[in-house]
Amino acid sequence: MIGKIIGALVGRELDRNNRGSGVGGAAKGVIAASVLRRMGPLGMLLGGGWAAKKAYDRHRAGRVGNPVR
């Protein structure tokens, strides 16, 4: 269950970069989740850390007044 949540977060972050539709992000999330699951606990840690860093950077950019990327 946690792997699916992390996959969804990674897919959302990948889709935000491309400004695409939600379907593309969902497909990327499914692929990312399957790859991360095959990597084991390290993959889940890396994927979750990457999604958390992107969310933190977006939060910080919003507070300073910088444009969100």
C-alpha atoms as a PDB file:
ATOM      1  CA  MET A   1       0.000   0.000   0.000  1.00  0.00           C
ATOM      2  CA  ILE A   2       2.790   2.422   0.828  1.00  0.00           C
ATOM      3  CA  GLY A   3       4.427   1.566  -2.506  1.00  0.00           C
ATOM      4  CA  LYS A   4       1.280   2.611  -4.356  1.00  0.00           C
ATOM      5  CA  ILE A   5       1.165   5.914  -2.498  1.00  0.00           C
ATOM      6  CA  ILE A   6       4.824   6.621  -3.246  1.00  0.00           C
ATOM      7  CA  GLY A   7       4.247   5.652  -6.885  1.00  0.00           C
ATOM      8  CA  ALA A   8       1.333   8.084  -7.070  1.00  0.00           C
ATOM      9  CA  LEU A   9       3.428  10.886  -5.588  1.00  0.00           C
ATOM     10  CA  VAL A  10       6.294  10.216  -7.986  1.00  0.00           C
ATOM     11  CA  GLY A  11       3.874  10.125 -10.925  1.00  0.00           C
ATOM     12  CA  ARG A  12       2.339  13.417  -9.857  1.00  0.00           C
ATOM     13  CA  GLU A  13       5.737  15.075  -9.627  1.00  0.00           C
ATOM     14  CA  LEU A  14       6.776  13.730 -13.034  1.00  0.00           C
ATOM     15  CA  ASP A  15       3.525  14.960 -14.553  1.00  0.00           C
ATOM     16  CA  ARG A  16       3.877  18.429 -13.027  1.00  0.00           C
ATOM     17  CA  ASN A  17       7.178  18.901 -14.824  1.00  0.00           C
ATOM     18  CA  ASN A  18       5.568  18.178 -18.194  1.00  0.00           C
ATOM     19  CA  ARG A  19       2.310  20.052 -17.514  1.00  0.00           C
ATOM     20  CA  GLY A  20       0.448  17.060 -18.888  1.00  0.00           C
ATOM     21  CA  SER A  21      -2.861  15.462 -18.128  1.00  0.00           C
ATOM     22  CA  GLY A  22      -3.537  13.316 -15.096  1.00  0.00           C
ATOM     23  CA  VAL A  23      -3.593  10.165 -17.221  1.00  0.00           C
ATOM     24  CA  GLY A  24       0.071  10.549 -18.135  1.00  0.00           C
ATOM     25  CA  GLY A  25       1.044  11.050 -14.524  1.00  0.00           C
ATOM     26  CA  ALA A  26      -0.960   8.016 -13.472  1.00  0.00           C
ATOM     27  CA  ALA A  27       0.765   5.866 -16.084  1.00  0.00           C
ATOM     28  CA  LYS A  28       4.177   7.168 -15.048  1.00  0.00           C
ATOM     29  CA  GLY A  29       3.281   6.512 -11.407  1.00  0.00           C
ATOM     30  CA  VAL A  30       2.373   2.887 -12.125  1.00  0.00           C
ATOM     31  CA  ILE A  31       5.635   2.365 -13.982  1.00  0.00           C
ATOM     32  CA  ALA A  32       7.638   4.138 -11.275  1.00  0.00           C
ATOM     33  CA  ALA A  33       5.943   2.124  -8.527  1.00  0.00           C
ATOM     34  CA  SER A  34       6.739  -1.170 -10.228  1.00  0.00           C
ATOM     35  CA  VAL A  35      10.376  -0.171 -10.746  1.00  0.00           C
ATOM     36  CA  LEU A  36      10.725   1.082  -7.176  1.00  0.00           C
ATOM     37  CA  ARG A  37       9.131  -2.086  -5.785  1.00  0.00           C
ATOM     38  CA  ARG A  38      11.610  -4.242  -7.654  1.00  0.00           C
ATOM     39  CA  MET A  39      14.451  -2.248  -6.109  1.00  0.00           C
ATOM     40  CA  GLY A  40      13.153  -3.206  -2.670  1.00  0.00           C
ATOM     41  CA  PRO A  41      13.198  -0.984   0.395  1.00  0.00           C
ATOM     42  CA  LEU A  42      15.987   1.149  -1.041  1.00  0.00           C
ATOM     43  CA  GLY A  43      13.848   1.966  -4.081  1.00  0.00           C
ATOM     44  CA  MET A  44      10.923   3.012  -1.941  1.00  0.00           C
ATOM     45  CA  LEU A  45      13.208   5.162   0.166  1.00  0.00           C
ATOM     46  CA  LEU A  46      14.710   6.837  -2.907  1.00  0.00           C
ATOM     47  CA  GLY A  47      11.341   7.426  -4.563  1.00  0.00           C
ATOM     48  CA  GLY A  48       9.756   8.810  -1.414  1.00  0.00           C
ATOM     49  CA  GLY A  49      12.756  11.005  -0.727  1.00  0.00           C
ATOM     50  CA  TRP A  50      12.705  12.403  -4.259  1.00  0.00           C
ATOM     51  CA  ALA A  51       8.980  13.219  -4.081  1.00  0.00           C
ATOM     52  CA  ALA A  52       9.416  14.815  -0.637  1.00  0.00           C
ATOM     53  CA  LYS A  53      12.318  16.951  -1.875  1.00  0.00           C
ATOM     54  CA  LYS A  54      10.294  18.177  -4.851  1.00  0.00           C
ATOM     55  CA  ALA A  55       7.377  19.075  -2.565  1.00  0.00           C
ATOM     56  CA  TYR A  56       9.724  20.864  -0.145  1.00  0.00           C
ATOM     57  CA  ASP A  57      11.352  22.836  -2.971  1.00  0.00           C
ATOM     58  CA  ARG A  58       7.936  23.871  -4.293  1.00  0.00           C
ATOM     59  CA  HIS A  59       6.853  24.942  -0.802  1.00  0.00           C
ATOM     60  CA  ARG A  60      10.018  26.929  -0.264  1.00  0.00           C
ATOM     61  CA  ALA A  61       9.771  28.641  -3.661  1.00  0.00           C
ATOM     62  CA  GLY A  62       6.201  29.683  -2.882  1.00  0.00           C
ATOM     63  CA  ARG A  63       7.210  31.274   0.392  1.00  0.00           C
ATOM     64  CA  VAL A  64      10.098  33.280  -1.038  1.00  0.00           C
ATOM     65  CA  GLY A  65       8.121  34.455  -4.059  1.00  0.00           C
ATOM     66  CA  ASN A  66      10.120  32.545  -6.654  1.00  0.00           C
ATOM     67  CA  PRO A  67       8.245  30.961  -9.536  1.00  0.00           C
ATOM     68  CA  VAL A  68       7.274  27.320  -9.038  1.00  0.00           C
ATOM     69  CA  ARG A  69       8.887  24.887 -11.461  1.00  0.00           C
END
